[in-house]
Amino acid sequence: MGVFQGNDLKKISGGRRHRFKKPRKYEFGSYPTETKLSSTDVRSSERVYGGNTKVRLKYVAYANILNPKTGQFTKARITGIIETPANREYARRGIIVKGTIIQTEIGKAKIVSRPSQDGIVNAILIEEASK
């Protein structure tokens, strides 16, 4: 089901506006894919504007984590969600977006990819502040 992204016929003054054309298919979007923490990775592929395909990540269990000191990538299991700056409710609901701080097997990491748009979770290891 699409979500209409065109003019929604609202007027600030409260007056009525009449539609001069029907909604076109290219004006439709889609509902957001809320990537959730799970025990397995689940992806879906869908056709988008221009005939291109977009891989969406529905459920995620693993992340590719970059260690900035060594420059090495490691695939690690995500054990929990610590904080989501975009929306505090996302952390409680288990939704992963760009900027989310996650807890993994090798430590805390910040997500730098867009899982619902890219179909993969890339993250950078966060250095713990030594006391």
N, C-alpha and C. Protein backbone atom coordinates (compact mmCIF):
# COMPACT_ATOMS: atom_id res chain seq x y z
N MET A 1 0.84 -1.18 0.00
CA MET A 1 0.00 0.00 0.00
C MET A 1 0.88 1.24 0.00
N GLY A 2 0.56 2.17 -0.85
CA GLY A 2 1.35 3.37 -0.97
C GLY A 2 0.87 4.49 -0.05
N VAL A 3 1.74 5.44 0.18
CA VAL A 3 1.44 6.62 0.95
C VAL A 3 1.58 7.81 0.02
N PHE A 4 0.54 8.60 -0.11
CA PHE A 4 0.55 9.71 -1.05
C PHE A 4 1.49 10.81 -0.57
N GLN A 5 2.42 11.24 -1.43
CA GLN A 5 3.41 12.24 -1.08
C GLN A 5 3.13 13.59 -1.76
N GLY A 6 2.04 13.68 -2.47
CA GLY A 6 1.74 14.91 -3.19
C GLY A 6 0.97 15.90 -2.34
N ASN A 7 0.33 16.86 -2.99
CA ASN A 7 -0.46 17.87 -2.30
C ASN A 7 -1.67 17.22 -1.65
N ASP A 8 -1.93 17.53 -0.39
CA ASP A 8 -3.02 16.87 0.32
C ASP A 8 -4.28 17.73 0.45
N LEU A 9 -4.39 18.76 -0.36
CA LEU A 9 -5.59 19.57 -0.45
C LEU A 9 -5.92 20.35 0.81
N LYS A 10 -4.96 20.64 1.66
CA LYS A 10 -5.22 21.43 2.85
C LYS A 10 -4.93 22.91 2.55
N LYS A 11 -5.72 23.75 3.15
CA LYS A 11 -5.53 25.18 3.03
C LYS A 11 -5.42 25.77 4.42
N ILE A 12 -4.52 26.69 4.62
CA ILE A 12 -4.32 27.29 5.93
C ILE A 12 -5.56 28.06 6.37
N SER A 13 -6.23 28.71 5.44
CA SER A 13 -7.37 29.56 5.79
C SER A 13 -8.62 28.76 6.15
N GLY A 14 -8.63 27.49 5.86
CA GLY A 14 -9.81 26.68 6.14
C GLY A 14 -10.72 26.55 4.96
N GLY A 15 -10.41 27.24 3.85
CA GLY A 15 -11.23 27.15 2.65
C GLY A 15 -11.07 25.81 1.96
N ARG A 16 -11.98 25.53 1.03
CA ARG A 16 -11.93 24.25 0.31
C ARG A 16 -11.07 24.38 -0.93
N ARG A 17 -10.36 23.31 -1.23
CA ARG A 17 -9.60 23.23 -2.48
C ARG A 17 -10.07 22.01 -3.23
N HIS A 18 -10.10 22.12 -4.53
CA HIS A 18 -10.55 21.00 -5.34
C HIS A 18 -9.38 20.40 -6.09
N ARG A 19 -9.40 19.10 -6.21
CA ARG A 19 -8.34 18.37 -6.89
C ARG A 19 -8.41 18.63 -8.39
N PHE A 20 -7.30 18.97 -9.00
CA PHE A 20 -7.30 19.21 -10.45
C PHE A 20 -6.70 18.04 -11.21
N LYS A 21 -6.13 17.06 -10.52
CA LYS A 21 -5.67 15.83 -11.16
C LYS A 21 -5.68 14.71 -10.14
N LYS A 22 -5.75 13.50 -10.64
CA LYS A 22 -5.74 12.35 -9.75
C LYS A 22 -4.32 12.10 -9.23
N PRO A 23 -4.18 11.40 -8.09
CA PRO A 23 -2.83 11.04 -7.63
C PRO A 23 -2.15 10.13 -8.64
N ARG A 24 -0.91 10.43 -8.95
CA ARG A 24 -0.15 9.61 -9.90
C ARG A 24 0.68 8.59 -9.14
N LYS A 25 0.99 7.50 -9.79
CA LYS A 25 1.71 6.44 -9.11
C LYS A 25 3.10 6.91 -8.67
N TYR A 26 3.74 7.79 -9.44
CA TYR A 26 5.08 8.26 -9.07
C TYR A 26 5.06 9.17 -7.84
N GLU A 27 3.88 9.61 -7.41
CA GLU A 27 3.78 10.45 -6.23
C GLU A 27 3.63 9.63 -4.94
N PHE A 28 3.51 8.34 -5.07
CA PHE A 28 3.29 7.51 -3.90
C PHE A 28 4.61 7.09 -3.27
N GLY A 29 4.64 7.05 -1.95
CA GLY A 29 5.80 6.57 -1.20
C GLY A 29 5.44 5.25 -0.55
N SER A 30 6.07 4.96 0.58
CA SER A 30 5.76 3.74 1.30
C SER A 30 5.89 4.00 2.79
N TYR A 31 5.32 3.12 3.57
CA TYR A 31 5.43 3.24 5.01
C TYR A 31 6.87 2.97 5.43
N PRO A 32 7.34 3.56 6.54
CA PRO A 32 8.71 3.33 6.97
C PRO A 32 8.94 1.88 7.39
N THR A 33 10.11 1.36 7.07
CA THR A 33 10.49 0.03 7.51
C THR A 33 11.20 0.18 8.84
N GLU A 34 10.59 -0.30 9.88
CA GLU A 34 11.18 -0.20 11.21
C GLU A 34 11.97 -1.46 11.49
N THR A 35 13.29 -1.38 11.29
CA THR A 35 14.17 -2.52 11.49
C THR A 35 14.22 -2.87 12.97
N LYS A 36 13.89 -4.12 13.30
CA LYS A 36 13.82 -4.52 14.70
C LYS A 36 14.91 -5.52 15.03
N LEU A 37 15.28 -5.55 16.29
CA LEU A 37 16.27 -6.50 16.79
C LEU A 37 15.62 -7.88 16.90
N SER A 38 16.31 -8.91 16.39
CA SER A 38 15.76 -10.25 16.37
C SER A 38 16.89 -11.26 16.48
N SER A 39 16.57 -12.53 16.36
CA SER A 39 17.59 -13.57 16.44
C SER A 39 18.17 -13.92 15.07
N THR A 40 17.51 -13.49 13.99
CA THR A 40 18.00 -13.74 12.64
C THR A 40 17.84 -12.47 11.79
N ASP A 41 18.56 -12.43 10.66
CA ASP A 41 18.43 -11.33 9.72
C ASP A 41 17.33 -11.67 8.71
N VAL A 42 16.41 -10.75 8.49
CA VAL A 42 15.35 -10.94 7.49
C VAL A 42 15.35 -9.72 6.59
N ARG A 43 15.53 -9.96 5.27
CA ARG A 43 15.56 -8.88 4.29
C ARG A 43 14.42 -9.04 3.30
N SER A 44 14.00 -7.93 2.71
CA SER A 44 13.03 -7.98 1.63
C SER A 44 13.50 -7.02 0.55
N SER A 45 13.20 -7.37 -0.69
CA SER A 45 13.59 -6.54 -1.81
C SER A 45 12.33 -6.03 -2.48
N GLU A 46 12.29 -4.74 -2.78
CA GLU A 46 11.11 -4.19 -3.43
C GLU A 46 11.48 -3.23 -4.54
N ARG A 47 10.57 -3.10 -5.46
CA ARG A 47 10.77 -2.19 -6.59
C ARG A 47 10.46 -0.78 -6.13
N VAL A 48 11.32 0.16 -6.52
CA VAL A 48 11.12 1.56 -6.17
C VAL A 48 11.10 2.40 -7.44
N TYR A 49 11.03 3.70 -7.28
CA TYR A 49 10.90 4.63 -8.39
C TYR A 49 12.02 4.43 -9.41
N GLY A 50 11.67 4.40 -10.69
CA GLY A 50 12.64 4.24 -11.75
C GLY A 50 12.96 2.80 -12.07
N GLY A 51 12.22 1.85 -11.47
CA GLY A 51 12.47 0.44 -11.72
C GLY A 51 13.63 -0.12 -10.93
N ASN A 52 14.21 0.67 -10.05
CA ASN A 52 15.31 0.19 -9.22
C ASN A 52 14.77 -0.70 -8.11
N THR A 53 15.68 -1.42 -7.47
CA THR A 53 15.28 -2.24 -6.33
C THR A 53 15.97 -1.73 -5.08
N LYS A 54 15.27 -1.86 -3.96
CA LYS A 54 15.80 -1.44 -2.67
C LYS A 54 15.68 -2.61 -1.71
N VAL A 55 16.79 -2.96 -1.08
CA VAL A 55 16.79 -4.04 -0.10
C VAL A 55 16.50 -3.41 1.26
N ARG A 56 15.46 -3.91 1.89
CA ARG A 56 15.08 -3.41 3.21
C ARG A 56 15.36 -4.49 4.25
N LEU A 57 15.90 -4.07 5.38
CA LEU A 57 16.21 -4.99 6.47
C LEU A 57 15.07 -4.93 7.48
N LYS A 58 14.30 -6.01 7.59
CA LYS A 58 13.15 -6.03 8.49
C LYS A 58 13.58 -6.39 9.92
N TYR A 59 14.39 -7.43 10.04
CA TYR A 59 14.88 -7.88 11.34
C TYR A 59 16.39 -8.07 11.25
N VAL A 60 17.09 -7.77 12.34
CA VAL A 60 18.55 -7.83 12.31
C VAL A 60 19.06 -8.51 13.56
N ALA A 61 20.15 -9.26 13.40
CA ALA A 61 20.81 -9.92 14.52
C ALA A 61 22.30 -9.58 14.56
N TYR A 62 22.90 -9.29 13.39
CA TYR A 62 24.34 -9.05 13.31
C TYR A 62 24.64 -7.67 12.73
N ALA A 63 25.83 -7.16 13.07
CA ALA A 63 26.28 -5.88 12.53
C ALA A 63 27.74 -6.00 12.12
N ASN A 64 28.13 -5.25 11.09
CA ASN A 64 29.53 -5.15 10.68
C ASN A 64 30.13 -3.97 11.43
N ILE A 65 31.09 -4.26 12.29
CA ILE A 65 31.62 -3.22 13.17
C ILE A 65 33.06 -2.91 12.81
N LEU A 66 33.33 -1.61 12.63
CA LEU A 66 34.67 -1.13 12.32
C LEU A 66 35.37 -0.72 13.61
N ASN A 67 36.58 -1.25 13.79
CA ASN A 67 37.41 -0.81 14.91
C ASN A 67 38.30 0.31 14.37
N PRO A 68 38.11 1.56 14.81
CA PRO A 68 38.87 2.67 14.23
C PRO A 68 40.36 2.61 14.50
N LYS A 69 40.76 1.95 15.57
CA LYS A 69 42.20 1.87 15.89
C LYS A 69 42.94 0.96 14.91
N THR A 70 42.34 -0.21 14.62
CA THR A 70 43.01 -1.18 13.76
C THR A 70 42.56 -1.10 12.31
N GLY A 71 41.37 -0.52 12.06
CA GLY A 71 40.85 -0.45 10.69
C GLY A 71 40.24 -1.76 10.23
N GLN A 72 39.97 -2.68 11.15
CA GLN A 72 39.43 -3.99 10.83
C GLN A 72 37.92 -4.02 11.05
N PHE A 73 37.22 -4.71 10.15
CA PHE A 73 35.79 -4.95 10.31
C PHE A 73 35.57 -6.29 10.96
N THR A 74 34.58 -6.37 11.83
CA THR A 74 34.23 -7.61 12.50
C THR A 74 32.72 -7.77 12.47
N LYS A 75 32.26 -8.98 12.18
CA LYS A 75 30.84 -9.26 12.24
C LYS A 75 30.52 -9.72 13.65
N ALA A 76 29.62 -9.01 14.32
CA ALA A 76 29.31 -9.33 15.72
C ALA A 76 27.80 -9.32 15.93
N ARG A 77 27.38 -10.13 16.87
CA ARG A 77 25.96 -10.20 17.22
C ARG A 77 25.57 -8.99 18.05
N ILE A 78 24.40 -8.43 17.74
CA ILE A 78 23.86 -7.31 18.52
C ILE A 78 23.13 -7.90 19.72
N THR A 79 23.53 -7.46 20.92
CA THR A 79 22.91 -8.00 22.14
C THR A 79 21.85 -7.07 22.71
N GLY A 80 21.90 -5.79 22.38
CA GLY A 80 20.88 -4.88 22.89
C GLY A 80 21.00 -3.49 22.29
N ILE A 81 19.98 -2.68 22.55
CA ILE A 81 19.95 -1.30 22.09
C ILE A 81 20.05 -0.41 23.32
N ILE A 82 21.04 0.47 23.32
CA ILE A 82 21.28 1.33 24.47
C ILE A 82 20.52 2.64 24.35
N GLU A 83 20.67 3.31 23.19
CA GLU A 83 20.09 4.64 23.03
C GLU A 83 19.84 4.93 21.57
N THR A 84 18.76 5.66 21.30
CA THR A 84 18.46 6.12 19.94
C THR A 84 18.21 7.62 19.99
N PRO A 85 19.16 8.45 19.54
CA PRO A 85 18.98 9.89 19.59
C PRO A 85 17.80 10.40 18.75
N ALA A 86 17.46 9.70 17.67
CA ALA A 86 16.38 10.15 16.79
C ALA A 86 15.03 10.12 17.50
N ASN A 87 14.80 9.10 18.31
CA ASN A 87 13.51 8.95 18.99
C ASN A 87 13.70 8.03 20.19
N ARG A 88 13.43 8.52 21.37
CA ARG A 88 13.68 7.72 22.57
C ARG A 88 12.79 6.48 22.66
N GLU A 89 11.65 6.51 21.98
CA GLU A 89 10.76 5.35 21.99
C GLU A 89 11.34 4.19 21.17
N TYR A 90 12.18 4.49 20.19
CA TYR A 90 12.75 3.45 19.34
C TYR A 90 13.58 2.46 20.15
N ALA A 91 14.36 2.95 21.10
CA ALA A 91 15.19 2.06 21.92
C ALA A 91 14.31 1.11 22.73
N ARG A 92 13.24 1.62 23.26
CA ARG A 92 12.33 0.80 24.05
C ARG A 92 11.64 -0.26 23.18
N ARG A 93 11.28 0.11 21.95
CA ARG A 93 10.59 -0.80 21.05
C ARG A 93 11.52 -1.73 20.29
N GLY A 94 12.84 -1.50 20.39
CA GLY A 94 13.80 -2.37 19.71
C GLY A 94 13.99 -2.05 18.25
N ILE A 95 13.79 -0.79 17.86
CA ILE A 95 13.93 -0.37 16.47
C ILE A 95 15.31 0.24 16.26
N ILE A 96 15.97 -0.16 15.17
CA ILE A 96 17.33 0.30 14.88
C ILE A 96 17.31 1.23 13.68
N VAL A 97 17.88 2.43 13.86
CA VAL A 97 18.01 3.41 12.79
C VAL A 97 19.43 3.95 12.82
N LYS A 98 19.76 4.83 11.87
CA LYS A 98 21.08 5.44 11.84
C LYS A 98 21.27 6.30 13.09
N GLY A 99 22.43 6.16 13.71
CA GLY A 99 22.74 6.92 14.92
C GLY A 99 22.46 6.17 16.21
N THR A 100 21.84 5.00 16.12
CA THR A 100 21.52 4.23 17.31
C THR A 100 22.80 3.68 17.95
N ILE A 101 22.87 3.74 19.26
CA ILE A 101 23.99 3.15 20.01
C ILE A 101 23.55 1.74 20.40
N ILE A 102 24.33 0.75 19.97
CA ILE A 102 23.99 -0.65 20.25
C ILE A 102 25.07 -1.30 21.11
N GLN A 103 24.67 -2.34 21.82
CA GLN A 103 25.60 -3.16 22.58
C GLN A 103 25.83 -4.43 21.78
N THR A 104 27.11 -4.76 21.54
CA THR A 104 27.44 -5.97 20.78
C THR A 104 28.36 -6.85 21.61
N GLU A 105 28.72 -7.97 21.03
CA GLU A 105 29.63 -8.91 21.71
C GLU A 105 30.99 -8.28 21.98
N ILE A 106 31.40 -7.33 21.13
CA ILE A 106 32.74 -6.74 21.30
C ILE A 106 32.70 -5.35 21.91
N GLY A 107 31.53 -4.84 22.25
CA GLY A 107 31.43 -3.53 22.90
C GLY A 107 30.35 -2.66 22.29
N LYS A 108 30.31 -1.41 22.73
CA LYS A 108 29.33 -0.46 22.23
C LYS A 108 29.73 0.03 20.84
N ALA A 109 28.71 0.26 20.00
CA ALA A 109 28.96 0.74 18.65
C ALA A 109 27.85 1.68 18.22
N LYS A 110 28.17 2.58 17.31
CA LYS A 110 27.20 3.53 16.77
C LYS A 110 26.92 3.17 15.32
N ILE A 111 25.66 3.05 14.96
CA ILE A 111 25.28 2.66 13.61
C ILE A 111 25.44 3.84 12.66
N VAL A 112 26.11 3.60 11.53
CA VAL A 112 26.37 4.65 10.55
C VAL A 112 25.64 4.42 9.22
N SER A 113 25.00 3.26 9.06
CA SER A 113 24.24 2.99 7.84
C SER A 113 22.75 3.16 8.13
N ARG A 114 21.95 3.10 7.08
CA ARG A 114 20.50 3.18 7.23
C ARG A 114 19.92 1.80 6.95
N PRO A 115 19.68 0.99 7.98
CA PRO A 115 19.28 -0.40 7.78
C PRO A 115 18.02 -0.58 6.93
N SER A 116 17.04 0.29 7.11
CA SER A 116 15.80 0.13 6.35
C SER A 116 15.96 0.57 4.89
N GLN A 117 17.03 1.28 4.57
CA GLN A 117 17.28 1.73 3.21
C GLN A 117 18.38 0.91 2.52
N ASP A 118 19.39 0.48 3.29
CA ASP A 118 20.56 -0.18 2.72
C ASP A 118 20.51 -1.70 2.82
N GLY A 119 19.77 -2.24 3.78
CA GLY A 119 19.68 -3.68 3.95
C GLY A 119 20.84 -4.26 4.72
N ILE A 120 21.62 -3.44 5.41
CA ILE A 120 22.78 -3.92 6.16
C ILE A 120 23.01 -2.97 7.33
N VAL A 121 23.63 -3.48 8.39
CA VAL A 121 23.95 -2.65 9.55
C VAL A 121 25.46 -2.51 9.64
N ASN A 122 25.96 -1.30 9.42
CA ASN A 122 27.36 -0.98 9.59
C ASN A 122 27.48 -0.08 10.80
N ALA A 123 28.50 -0.32 11.62
CA ALA A 123 28.66 0.47 12.85
C ALA A 123 30.14 0.72 13.12
N ILE A 124 30.40 1.73 13.96
CA ILE A 124 31.77 2.06 14.38
C ILE A 124 31.85 1.84 15.87
N LEU A 125 32.89 1.15 16.29
CA LEU A 125 33.11 0.86 17.70
C LEU A 125 33.36 2.16 18.46
N ILE A 126 32.70 2.31 19.59
CA ILE A 126 32.85 3.51 20.41
C ILE A 126 33.90 3.22 21.47
N GLU A 127 34.89 4.12 21.55
CA GLU A 127 35.92 3.96 22.56
C GLU A 127 35.37 4.40 23.91
N GLU A 128 35.54 3.55 24.89
CA GLU A 128 35.09 3.87 26.24
C GLU A 128 36.06 4.89 26.85
N ALA A 129 35.53 5.90 27.52
CA ALA A 129 36.36 6.91 28.17
C ALA A 129 37.01 6.29 29.41
N SER A 130 38.33 6.33 29.46
CA SER A 130 39.02 5.75 30.61
C SER A 130 39.02 6.76 31.76
N LYS A 131 38.84 6.25 32.97
CA LYS A 131 38.76 7.12 34.14
C LYS A 131 40.09 7.23 34.84
